[in-house]
Protein backbone atom coordinates (compact mmCIF):
# COMPACT_ATOMS: atom_id res chain seq x y z
CA UNK A 1 104.67 84.67 74.41
CA UNK A 2 102.21 87.47 75.14
CA UNK A 3 99.59 84.97 76.32
CA UNK A 4 102.13 83.28 78.56
CA UNK A 5 103.13 86.58 80.15
CA UNK A 6 99.47 87.56 80.57
CA UNK A 7 98.75 84.21 82.21
CA UNK A 8 101.73 84.63 84.49
CA UNK A 9 100.61 88.12 85.52
CA UNK A 10 97.12 86.78 86.24
CA UNK A 11 98.50 83.86 88.25
CA UNK A 12 100.66 85.95 90.57
CA UNK A 13 97.74 88.29 91.29
CA UNK A 14 98.01 91.77 92.83
CA UNK A 15 100.92 90.85 95.08
CA UNK A 16 104.52 90.95 93.83
CA UNK A 17 105.57 87.34 93.19
CA UNK A 18 109.33 87.09 93.17
CA UNK A 19 111.37 84.07 92.15
CA UNK A 20 112.06 83.37 95.79
CA UNK A 21 108.35 83.27 96.57
CA UNK A 22 107.69 81.06 93.56
CA UNK A 23 110.42 78.68 94.66
CA UNK A 24 108.91 78.61 98.16
CA UNK A 25 105.45 77.80 96.77
CA UNK A 26 106.84 75.02 94.59
CA UNK A 27 108.78 73.59 97.52
CA UNK A 28 105.66 73.71 99.72
CA UNK A 29 103.61 72.02 96.99
CA UNK A 30 106.24 69.29 96.59
CA UNK A 31 106.39 68.60 100.34
CA UNK A 32 102.61 68.54 100.74
CA UNK A 33 102.21 66.34 97.65
CA UNK A 34 104.81 63.90 98.97
CA UNK A 35 103.14 63.74 102.38
CA UNK A 36 99.79 63.30 100.61
CA UNK A 37 101.14 60.32 98.69
CA UNK A 38 102.14 58.78 102.02
CA UNK A 39 98.65 59.40 103.43
CA UNK A 40 97.09 57.79 100.33
CA UNK A 41 99.36 54.79 100.75
CA UNK A 42 98.34 54.34 104.40
CA UNK A 43 94.65 54.68 103.53
CA UNK A 44 94.96 52.12 100.70
CA UNK A 45 93.77 54.63 98.09
CA UNK A 46 93.82 53.74 94.42
CA UNK A 47 96.45 55.01 92.03
CA UNK A 48 93.94 57.33 90.38
CA UNK A 49 93.15 59.00 93.69
CA UNK A 50 96.86 59.43 94.41
CA UNK A 51 97.49 61.13 91.05
CA UNK A 52 94.44 63.35 91.45
CA UNK A 53 95.61 64.27 94.96
CA UNK A 54 99.06 65.32 93.74
CA UNK A 55 97.58 67.44 90.92
CA UNK A 56 95.09 69.03 93.31
CA UNK A 57 97.76 69.90 95.90
CA UNK A 58 100.10 71.54 93.35
CA UNK A 59 97.26 73.47 91.69
CA UNK A 60 95.79 74.70 94.96
CA UNK A 61 99.15 75.87 96.32
CA UNK A 62 99.96 77.83 93.15
CA UNK A 63 96.49 79.38 92.83
CA UNK A 64 95.96 80.29 96.48
CA UNK A 65 97.43 83.81 96.05
CA UNK A 66 95.23 84.66 93.06
CA UNK A 67 92.02 82.90 94.17
CA UNK A 68 92.10 82.57 97.97
CA UNK A 69 88.36 81.98 98.46
CA UNK A 70 87.96 79.62 95.50
CA UNK A 71 90.97 77.48 96.42
CA UNK A 72 89.71 77.27 100.01
CA UNK A 73 86.31 75.90 98.93
CA UNK A 74 87.74 73.59 96.26
CA UNK A 75 90.40 72.32 98.64
CA UNK A 76 87.80 71.58 101.31
CA UNK A 77 85.70 69.64 98.82
CA UNK A 78 88.72 67.75 97.47
CA UNK A 79 89.96 66.84 100.95
CA UNK A 80 86.66 65.04 101.61
CA UNK A 81 87.22 62.72 98.64
CA UNK A 82 91.03 62.61 98.39
CA UNK A 83 92.82 61.83 101.68
CA UNK A 84 96.14 63.24 100.43
CA UNK A 85 94.67 66.75 100.04
CA UNK A 86 93.72 67.19 103.70
CA UNK A 87 97.06 68.64 104.86
CA UNK A 88 96.98 71.42 102.27
CA UNK A 89 93.94 72.88 104.08
CA UNK A 90 96.25 74.34 106.72
CA UNK A 91 98.07 76.38 104.07
CA UNK A 92 94.84 77.32 102.27
CA UNK A 93 93.25 78.47 105.53
CA UNK A 94 96.30 80.61 106.35
CA UNK A 95 96.36 82.14 102.86
CA UNK A 96 92.60 82.81 102.75
CA UNK A 97 92.60 84.37 106.21
CA UNK A 98 95.00 87.14 105.19
CA UNK A 99 94.02 87.65 101.54
CA UNK A 100 90.22 87.71 101.53
CA UNK A 101 89.24 91.37 101.94
CA UNK A 102 86.24 92.00 104.15
CA UNK A 103 84.93 90.14 107.16
CA UNK A 104 81.69 89.14 105.41
CA UNK A 105 83.45 87.62 102.40
CA UNK A 106 85.90 85.75 104.60
CA UNK A 107 83.10 84.37 106.78
CA UNK A 108 81.14 83.28 103.71
CA UNK A 109 84.15 81.55 102.14
CA UNK A 110 84.98 79.60 105.31
CA UNK A 111 81.32 78.64 105.83
CA UNK A 112 81.00 77.41 102.25
CA UNK A 113 84.23 75.43 102.59
CA UNK A 114 82.93 73.86 105.82
CA UNK A 115 79.64 72.83 104.21
CA UNK A 116 81.45 71.36 101.19
CA UNK A 117 83.84 69.33 103.32
CA UNK A 118 81.21 68.06 105.75
CA UNK A 119 78.64 67.31 103.05
CA UNK A 120 80.98 65.37 100.77
CA UNK A 121 82.51 63.52 103.72
CA UNK A 122 79.06 62.38 104.83
CA UNK A 123 78.21 61.21 101.31
CA UNK A 124 81.52 59.37 100.93
CA UNK A 125 81.48 57.73 104.37
CA UNK A 126 77.73 57.18 104.78
CA UNK A 127 77.87 53.43 104.23
CA UNK A 128 80.92 52.81 106.42
CA UNK A 129 80.54 54.95 109.54
CA UNK A 130 77.92 56.57 111.67
CA UNK A 131 76.84 60.01 110.33
CA UNK A 132 76.92 61.73 113.72
CA UNK A 133 80.48 60.58 114.34
CA UNK A 134 81.53 61.76 110.88
CA UNK A 135 79.91 65.15 111.46
CA UNK A 136 81.62 65.66 114.83
CA UNK A 137 85.08 64.63 113.64
CA UNK A 138 84.88 66.61 110.40
CA UNK A 139 83.72 69.75 112.20
CA UNK A 140 86.47 69.57 114.78
CA UNK A 141 89.13 68.86 112.18
CA UNK A 142 87.96 71.79 110.03
CA UNK A 143 88.07 74.16 113.01
CA UNK A 144 91.53 72.99 114.04
CA UNK A 145 93.17 72.65 110.61
CA UNK A 146 91.48 75.48 108.66
CA UNK A 147 89.69 78.03 110.85
CA UNK A 148 92.43 78.45 113.44
CA UNK A 149 95.22 79.09 110.85
CA UNK A 150 92.87 81.50 109.05
CA UNK A 151 92.15 83.50 112.21
CA UNK A 152 95.82 83.58 113.20
CA UNK A 153 96.83 84.70 109.70
CA UNK A 154 94.15 87.39 109.60
CA UNK A 155 95.17 88.78 112.97
CA UNK A 156 98.85 88.76 112.05
CA UNK A 157 98.21 90.41 108.66
CA UNK A 158 95.92 93.10 110.11
CA UNK A 159 98.50 93.89 112.76
CA UNK A 160 101.26 94.19 110.15
CA UNK A 161 99.04 96.34 107.92
CA UNK A 162 98.06 98.60 110.80
CA UNK A 163 101.69 99.07 111.87
CA UNK A 164 102.73 99.84 108.29
CA UNK A 165 99.91 102.37 107.97
CA UNK A 166 100.88 104.04 111.23
CA UNK A 167 104.53 104.20 110.16
CA UNK A 168 103.69 105.71 106.78
CA UNK A 169 101.23 108.21 108.22
CA UNK A 170 103.70 109.14 110.93
CA UNK A 171 106.36 109.76 108.30
CA UNK A 172 103.88 111.87 106.32
CA UNK A 173 103.02 113.81 109.48
CA UNK A 174 106.69 114.47 110.15
CA UNK A 175 107.20 115.72 106.60
CA UNK A 176 104.21 118.03 106.95
CA UNK A 177 105.48 119.33 110.28
CA UNK A 178 108.89 119.87 108.69
CA UNK A 179 107.33 121.90 105.90
CA UNK A 180 105.31 123.97 108.37
CA UNK A 181 108.38 124.59 110.54
CA UNK A 182 110.44 125.53 107.50
CA UNK A 183 107.81 127.94 106.23
CA UNK A 184 107.47 129.54 109.65
CA UNK A 185 111.22 129.95 109.93
CA UNK A 186 111.43 131.39 106.43
CA UNK A 187 108.64 133.88 107.15
CA UNK A 188 110.33 134.98 110.36
CA UNK A 189 113.67 135.39 108.61
CA UNK A 190 112.06 137.40 105.85
CA UNK A 191 110.39 139.63 108.41
CA UNK A 192 113.67 140.22 110.24
CA UNK A 193 115.48 140.78 106.95
CA UNK A 194 112.85 143.31 105.86
CA UNK A 195 113.13 145.17 109.15
CA UNK A 196 116.92 145.26 108.94
CA UNK A 197 116.81 146.40 105.33
CA UNK A 198 114.28 149.13 105.99
CA UNK A 199 115.86 150.50 109.18
CA UNK A 200 119.60 149.82 109.13
CA UNK A 201 119.87 150.07 105.36
CA UNK A 202 118.31 153.50 105.36
CA UNK A 203 120.50 154.77 108.18
CA UNK A 204 123.71 153.41 106.66
CA UNK A 205 122.81 154.93 103.29
CA UNK A 206 122.37 158.33 104.95
CA UNK A 207 125.72 157.98 106.74
CA UNK A 208 127.45 157.07 103.46
CA UNK A 209 125.89 160.01 101.60
CA UNK A 210 126.67 162.56 104.30
CA UNK A 211 130.23 161.34 104.87
CA UNK A 212 130.80 161.29 101.11
CA UNK A 213 129.62 164.90 100.86
CA UNK A 214 131.63 165.89 103.93
CA UNK A 215 134.79 164.28 102.54
CA UNK A 216 134.93 166.74 99.63
CA UNK A 217 134.24 169.78 101.82
CA UNK A 218 137.15 172.23 101.15
CA UNK A 219 136.94 173.57 104.69
CA UNK A 220 138.28 170.27 106.17
CA UNK A 221 141.91 169.69 106.87
CA UNK A 222 143.71 166.67 105.46
CA UNK A 223 143.54 164.82 108.78
CA UNK A 224 139.82 165.46 109.10
CA UNK A 225 139.25 164.43 105.47
CA UNK A 226 141.14 161.17 106.13
CA UNK A 227 138.98 160.44 109.19
CA UNK A 228 135.81 161.14 107.25
CA UNK A 229 137.05 158.80 104.49
CA UNK A 230 137.50 156.03 107.05
CA UNK A 231 133.94 156.58 108.22
CA UNK A 232 132.63 156.49 104.64
CA UNK A 233 134.48 153.24 103.90
CA UNK A 234 133.18 151.75 107.13
CA UNK A 235 129.59 152.67 106.24
CA UNK A 236 129.98 151.21 102.73
CA UNK A 237 131.45 148.00 104.19
CA UNK A 238 128.59 147.86 106.69
CA UNK A 239 126.09 148.16 103.82
CA UNK A 240 127.76 145.22 102.01
CA UNK A 241 127.68 143.13 105.15
CA UNK A 242 124.07 144.06 105.80
CA UNK A 243 123.20 142.89 102.28
CA UNK A 244 124.84 139.51 102.95
CA UNK A 245 123.08 139.12 106.30
CA UNK A 246 119.74 139.93 104.69
CA UNK A 247 120.47 137.33 101.99
CA UNK A 248 121.25 134.70 104.61
CA UNK A 249 118.08 135.45 106.52
CA UNK A 250 115.92 135.29 103.39
CA UNK A 251 117.42 132.28 101.59
CA UNK A 252 119.56 130.49 104.19
CA UNK A 253 122.70 130.88 101.99
CA UNK A 254 125.29 133.56 101.52
CA UNK A 255 124.26 136.34 99.15
CA UNK A 256 126.95 136.95 96.50
CA UNK A 257 128.28 140.46 96.41
CA UNK A 258 127.99 142.36 93.13
CA UNK A 259 131.21 142.35 91.17
CA UNK A 260 131.05 145.99 90.31
CA UNK A 261 130.91 147.04 93.95
CA UNK A 262 134.41 147.02 95.31
CA UNK A 263 134.80 145.81 98.87
CA UNK A 264 137.26 147.39 101.24
CA UNK A 265 138.66 144.02 102.32
CA UNK A 266 138.04 140.35 101.60
CA UNK A 267 135.57 138.92 104.10
CA UNK A 268 136.91 135.39 104.07
CA UNK A 269 139.94 133.43 105.24
CA UNK A 270 142.08 135.79 103.20
CA UNK A 271 140.76 138.73 105.18
CA UNK A 272 141.62 137.25 108.61
CA UNK A 273 145.19 138.51 108.33
CA UNK A 274 143.80 142.01 107.75
CA UNK A 275 141.69 142.10 110.91
CA UNK A 276 144.61 140.63 112.88
CA UNK A 277 146.87 143.41 111.60
CA UNK A 278 144.20 145.98 112.46
CA UNK A 279 144.05 144.60 116.00
CA UNK A 280 147.83 144.81 116.32
CA UNK A 281 147.75 148.39 115.06
CA UNK A 282 145.27 149.17 117.84
CA UNK A 283 147.75 147.89 120.42
CA UNK A 284 146.40 144.37 121.01
CA UNK A 285 148.82 141.42 121.21
CA UNK A 286 147.41 139.08 118.54
CA UNK A 287 149.31 136.14 116.98
CA UNK A 288 148.12 134.34 113.83
CA UNK A 289 149.16 130.74 113.06
CA UNK A 290 148.36 128.40 110.20
CA UNK A 291 148.79 124.59 110.08
CA UNK A 292 148.22 122.15 107.24
CA UNK A 293 147.92 122.64 103.52
CA UNK A 294 145.56 125.55 102.74
CA UNK A 295 142.54 124.49 100.74
CA UNK A 296 139.80 126.56 99.09
CA UNK A 297 136.42 126.80 100.78
CA UNK A 298 133.04 127.58 99.32
CA UNK A 299 131.87 131.15 99.80
CA UNK A 300 129.54 130.45 102.73
CA UNK A 301 132.16 128.50 104.72
CA UNK A 302 134.87 131.01 103.83
CA UNK A 303 132.78 133.90 105.13
CA UNK A 304 131.77 131.91 108.25
CA UNK A 305 135.45 131.47 109.15
CA UNK A 306 135.99 135.22 108.83
CA UNK A 307 132.97 135.97 111.03
CA UNK A 308 134.09 133.53 113.73
CA UNK A 309 137.48 135.25 114.02
CA UNK A 310 135.91 138.70 113.88
CA UNK A 311 133.33 137.95 116.63
CA UNK A 312 135.89 136.18 118.82
CA UNK A 313 138.27 139.13 118.59
CA UNK A 314 135.43 141.53 119.38
CA UNK A 315 134.51 139.50 122.47
CA UNK A 316 138.16 139.46 123.57
CA UNK A 317 138.35 143.24 123.22
CA UNK A 318 135.21 143.63 125.35
CA UNK A 319 135.73 141.05 128.08
CA UNK A 320 139.51 140.69 128.30
CA UNK A 321 141.10 143.94 127.16
CA UNK A 322 144.88 143.81 127.03
CA UNK A 323 145.15 140.01 127.25
CA UNK A 324 147.13 138.20 124.52
CA UNK A 325 145.06 136.55 121.77
CA UNK A 326 146.00 133.58 119.61
CA UNK A 327 144.30 132.92 116.27
CA UNK A 328 145.00 129.53 114.65
CA UNK A 329 143.80 128.09 111.34
CA UNK A 330 144.20 124.29 110.99
CA UNK A 331 143.45 122.65 107.65
CA UNK A 332 142.36 119.10 108.52
CA UNK A 333 141.56 116.35 106.04
CA UNK A 334 137.84 117.07 105.92
CA UNK A 335 137.35 120.45 107.57
CA UNK A 336 138.90 123.76 108.58
CA UNK A 337 139.33 124.34 112.30
CA UNK A 338 139.33 128.01 113.39
CA UNK A 339 140.44 128.51 117.00
CA UNK A 340 140.70 131.82 118.88
CA UNK A 341 141.91 131.84 122.49
CA UNK A 342 142.71 134.72 124.83
CA UNK A 343 144.29 134.88 128.26
CA UNK A 344 142.52 135.69 131.51
CA UNK A 345 140.81 139.06 131.75
CA UNK A 346 142.42 141.82 133.77
CA UNK A 347 140.71 144.20 136.20
CA UNK A 348 137.95 146.31 134.65
CA UNK A 349 135.23 148.57 135.90
CA UNK A 350 131.92 146.71 136.39
CA UNK A 351 129.27 147.62 133.87
CA UNK A 352 131.70 148.97 131.30
CA UNK A 353 130.99 146.20 128.78
CA UNK A 354 127.93 146.58 126.58
CA UNK A 355 126.87 143.31 124.94
CA UNK A 356 123.65 141.96 123.49
CA UNK A 357 124.63 138.36 124.25
CA UNK A 358 123.75 137.21 120.72
CA UNK A 359 127.17 137.02 119.10
CA UNK A 360 128.00 133.39 119.87
CA UNK A 361 124.44 132.33 119.13
CA UNK A 362 124.70 133.91 115.71
CA UNK A 363 128.02 132.16 115.08
CA UNK A 364 126.52 128.78 115.94
CA UNK A 365 123.57 129.40 113.60
CA UNK A 366 125.91 130.54 110.81
CA UNK A 367 128.07 127.42 111.22
CA UNK A 368 125.00 125.19 111.33
CA UNK A 369 123.77 126.57 108.03
CA UNK A 370 126.92 125.36 106.29
CA UNK A 371 127.08 122.01 108.08
CA UNK A 372 129.65 122.99 110.72
CA UNK A 373 129.69 123.70 114.45
CA UNK A 374 131.06 126.23 116.95
CA UNK A 375 132.19 125.59 120.52
CA UNK A 376 132.91 128.31 123.09
CA UNK A 377 134.02 128.00 126.69
CA UNK A 378 136.52 128.92 129.36
CA UNK A 379 140.03 127.48 129.40
CA UNK A 380 141.94 126.03 132.34
CA UNK A 381 144.06 129.17 132.83
CA UNK A 382 140.99 131.41 133.14
CA UNK A 383 140.90 132.57 129.54
CA UNK A 384 138.31 131.96 126.88
CA UNK A 385 138.36 129.86 123.73
CA UNK A 386 136.19 129.85 120.62
CA UNK A 387 136.62 127.02 118.09
CA UNK A 388 134.73 126.45 114.85
CA UNK A 389 134.76 123.40 112.57
CA UNK A 390 133.75 124.17 108.99
CA UNK A 391 133.56 121.66 106.10
CA UNK A 392 135.28 122.45 102.84
CA UNK A 393 132.04 121.82 100.95
CA UNK A 394 128.61 123.18 101.77
CA UNK A 395 126.42 120.69 103.68
CA UNK A 396 123.25 122.54 104.58
CA UNK A 397 121.72 121.38 107.80
CA UNK A 398 118.22 120.07 107.34
CA UNK A 399 115.38 121.42 109.38
CA UNK A 400 114.04 117.90 109.68
CA UNK A 401 116.36 117.22 112.58
CA UNK A 402 114.66 119.98 114.56
CA UNK A 403 111.34 118.16 114.44
CA UNK A 404 110.97 115.43 117.03
CA UNK A 405 109.95 111.95 115.93
CA UNK A 406 107.08 111.53 118.37
CA UNK A 407 106.38 107.89 117.53
CA UNK A 408 109.95 106.73 116.92
CA UNK A 409 108.92 105.17 113.62
CA UNK A 410 110.67 107.36 111.04
CA UNK A 411 113.68 105.08 110.65
CA UNK A 412 111.47 101.99 110.30
CA UNK A 413 109.38 103.63 107.60
CA UNK A 414 112.52 104.62 105.70
CA UNK A 415 113.86 101.06 105.98
CA UNK A 416 110.64 99.69 104.50
CA UNK A 417 110.90 102.16 101.64
CA UNK A 418 114.53 101.23 100.99
CA UNK A 419 113.64 97.51 100.92
CA UNK A 420 111.24 98.14 98.08
CA UNK A 421 108.04 97.51 100.00
CA UNK A 422 105.00 98.21 97.79
CA UNK A 423 102.94 101.31 98.58
CA UNK A 424 99.89 100.72 100.71
CA UNK A 425 96.51 100.41 99.04
CA UNK A 426 94.67 102.90 101.25
CA UNK A 427 91.25 102.01 99.83
CA UNK A 428 91.73 98.32 100.59
CA UNK A 429 93.18 99.23 103.98
CA UNK A 430 90.15 101.33 104.87
CA UNK A 431 87.82 98.52 103.84
CA UNK A 432 89.82 95.99 105.81
CA UNK A 433 89.99 98.16 108.92
CA UNK A 434 86.51 99.65 108.59
CA UNK A 435 85.23 97.51 111.49
CA UNK A 436 85.59 99.35 114.82
CA UNK A 437 88.78 98.44 116.63
CA UNK A 438 86.99 97.11 119.71
CA UNK A 439 84.71 94.89 117.57
CA UNK A 440 87.58 93.67 115.38
CA UNK A 441 89.91 92.76 118.20
CA UNK A 442 87.05 91.21 120.15
CA UNK A 443 86.05 89.12 117.12
CA UNK A 444 89.59 87.93 116.53
CA UNK A 445 90.02 87.05 120.20
CA UNK A 446 86.70 85.18 120.20
CA UNK A 447 87.63 83.34 117.00
CA UNK A 448 91.00 82.31 118.38
CA UNK A 449 89.31 81.17 121.60
CA UNK A 450 86.82 79.09 119.63
CA UNK A 451 89.62 77.54 117.58
CA UNK A 452 91.65 76.69 120.70
CA UNK A 453 88.57 75.22 122.34
CA UNK A 454 87.94 73.21 119.18
CA UNK A 455 91.47 71.80 119.28
CA UNK A 456 91.10 70.84 122.94
CA UNK A 457 87.72 69.26 122.27
CA UNK A 458 89.14 67.42 119.26
CA UNK A 459 91.93 65.96 121.38
CA UNK A 460 89.41 64.89 124.02
CA UNK A 461 87.13 63.30 121.44
CA UNK A 462 90.03 61.55 119.73
CA UNK A 463 91.23 60.18 123.06
CA UNK A 464 87.75 58.99 123.93
CA UNK A 465 87.40 57.47 120.48
CA UNK A 466 90.67 55.56 120.87
CA UNK A 467 89.59 54.25 124.27
CA UNK A 468 86.18 53.32 122.88
CA UNK A 469 87.75 51.67 119.85
CA UNK A 470 90.09 49.59 121.94
CA UNK A 471 87.31 48.65 124.35
CA UNK A 472 84.89 47.70 121.57
CA UNK A 473 87.42 45.61 119.63
CA UNK A 474 86.68 42.55 121.77
CA UNK A 475 82.99 42.83 120.84
CA UNK A 476 83.72 42.54 117.12
CA UNK A 477 86.48 39.91 116.69
CA UNK A 478 86.34 36.10 116.42
CA UNK A 479 88.61 33.49 114.94
CA UNK A 480 88.04 31.17 112.02
CA UNK A 481 87.54 28.20 114.32
CA UNK A 482 84.71 29.96 116.15
CA UNK A 483 83.04 30.71 112.83
CA UNK A 484 83.31 27.10 111.67
CA UNK A 485 81.86 25.82 114.98
CA UNK A 486 78.55 27.56 114.30
CA UNK A 487 76.06 25.69 112.09
CA UNK A 488 72.96 26.83 110.26
CA UNK A 489 69.80 25.76 112.07
CA UNK A 490 71.04 26.37 115.58
CA UNK A 491 68.96 28.55 117.83
CA UNK A 492 69.67 32.25 117.88
CA UNK A 493 70.04 32.22 121.63
CA UNK A 494 72.68 29.49 121.51
CA UNK A 495 74.68 31.19 118.75
CA UNK A 496 74.61 34.66 120.32
CA UNK A 497 75.62 33.18 123.65
CA UNK A 498 78.85 31.83 122.13
CA UNK A 499 79.69 34.90 120.00
CA UNK A 500 80.55 38.52 120.87
CA UNK A 501 77.79 41.11 120.73
CA UNK A 502 79.20 42.85 117.63
CA UNK A 503 78.43 46.28 119.11
CA UNK A 504 81.48 48.14 117.76
CA UNK A 505 82.28 50.99 115.39
CA UNK A 506 84.62 48.60 113.56
CA UNK A 507 81.69 46.74 112.02
CA UNK A 508 79.51 49.71 111.13
CA UNK A 509 77.96 49.31 107.63
CA UNK A 510 79.76 46.03 106.83
CA UNK A 511 76.58 43.93 106.85
CA UNK A 512 75.43 45.72 103.67
CA UNK A 513 78.64 45.08 101.73
CA UNK A 514 78.43 41.31 101.49
CA UNK A 515 76.09 38.97 99.63
CA UNK A 516 72.35 39.65 99.77
CA UNK A 517 70.79 38.99 103.15
CA UNK A 518 67.85 36.67 103.66
CA UNK A 519 64.51 38.46 103.77
CA UNK A 520 63.15 39.52 107.16
CA UNK A 521 66.40 38.52 108.87
CA UNK A 522 68.55 40.25 111.42
CA UNK A 523 72.30 39.84 111.03
CA UNK A 524 75.29 39.87 113.36
CA UNK A 525 78.54 41.07 111.74
CA UNK A 526 81.96 40.27 113.20
CA UNK A 527 85.54 40.68 112.00
CA UNK A 528 88.15 37.98 111.74
CA UNK A 529 91.11 38.06 114.10
CA UNK A 530 93.29 36.97 111.17
CA UNK A 531 93.09 40.44 109.60
CA UNK A 532 96.32 42.44 109.60
CA UNK A 533 96.92 46.16 109.13
CA UNK A 534 98.95 45.45 105.99
CA UNK A 535 96.11 43.55 104.32
CA UNK A 536 94.07 45.36 101.67
CA UNK A 537 90.86 43.52 102.63
CA UNK A 538 89.11 42.59 105.86
CA UNK A 539 87.49 39.21 106.42
CA UNK A 540 83.92 39.63 107.66
CA UNK A 541 81.75 36.94 109.28
CA UNK A 542 78.01 37.47 109.02
CA UNK A 543 75.34 35.48 110.90
CA UNK A 544 71.68 36.07 109.96
CA UNK A 545 68.73 35.02 112.17
CA UNK A 546 65.03 34.66 111.51
CA UNK A 547 62.30 33.25 113.72
CA UNK A 548 64.83 32.48 116.49
CA UNK A 549 67.13 30.36 114.33
CA UNK A 550 70.35 30.85 112.35
CA UNK A 551 69.25 30.77 108.71
CA UNK A 552 72.49 31.93 107.00
CA UNK A 553 76.15 32.53 107.65
CA UNK A 554 78.62 34.09 105.24
CA UNK A 555 82.35 34.87 105.17
CA UNK A 556 83.37 37.56 102.66
CA UNK A 557 86.05 40.16 102.00
CA UNK A 558 85.53 43.90 102.40
CA UNK A 559 88.04 46.50 101.24
CA UNK A 560 89.46 48.64 104.01
């Protein structure tokens, strides 16, 4: 079992070989083997050659992933001796083009395969055809059926690899930029928090200490002591709020208040009623409404709702004093909607409002930190409306969305990762793409041009060969009656005058396949017109001349 698993791991090679890929390879091997059997049948190959061709096709298809260069060379050699293996060279060329790492190794493998195919084809067909014709046809067929698929596969694979590398490196660049942006934002927040803590914290602590000491001064009246107490409570509340703001700036989340420090009022949804009542006590017309089933919120969202109402009321006091204000809390299915609207502003003295212009910006940032949003704008009646949408659960907004995807490839890289694509082998990638881009693309373009030119030339040569074959058929065919009408002893001139010239590729090498020729004789070989394409043998007529006379004539069978 262990040996079988080890053999399976070796067979599938470095690439992941799924069951789907295995089924595809087996299906390809079956189709190519079946077509090869048909080619063997048309070429009148023996049963042994057919069986060897089927075994070779299946083995080469299954081993091409693990041994791309070896299968290419072996397949080229086998295709020269086994006609049914020729079609598998297209698949082997495609596989070797994309899997052989390095331009030098790929060039060497294809050159060795070419030499093996041409050399063995010349040896096998030496006695039947002209060597130059065999060399030309074999070279053109190798360029068209093996080199062109290899170049196309290599170009396609390098393009896919380069795009994958760019996508992964772009995603890495975006992550690094996200980290840099996050660190810069965190440093800036910490700096602001430190400044607020050192300046405002110190001043508020002094106010709290002095008001606390002043509150117990026996020289104050009860009304003065009550006013000082309000100031002390306000300074203590301001210190608590400053601590929370500093926590948000430092960590991006709400800082929990110490349990032992009592707060003057809840700073959450529960405290909204308190600030509404305080506004009414100050003479402002404020109405509070609630819709839906109240639901608990996490601390950060709860405090954000309180701050939205507080800031909106403050803005209404400043910009529209005396106008009625409506505060509404709506508990939706997935979020809390806080809406504050006021009527149109009355007449006021220009320049009387002092505002830093940062309140709404701070509300939007606070809502963004908890995954919500804030909208502010004028209403149709001339008033102003502030609305915030806050989720019930905390959904921190990622800083990644603030970083632009310059190349537009982040989603594609994530899709590749989700599909289970294997990580890139950067060492192999660097070796594969080590050739300069201009040289690599120029080489691929030149190779594809050579392959296309080879295909065109092959078609031209094949067309010319067909025309030549048809034209030379009349120079190589006679009937049985014409053969019988020729008698030994007749003059060579008389016999050649009645017979075709025999100058045809159809009769090449057939004079050496029959019975031994007479010594010092020159022979004319012709084919019988009674031969059919379904016959396994061809009938050959041979006429041998010596000293100007016909000294021998033979009729014999030659296997096609």
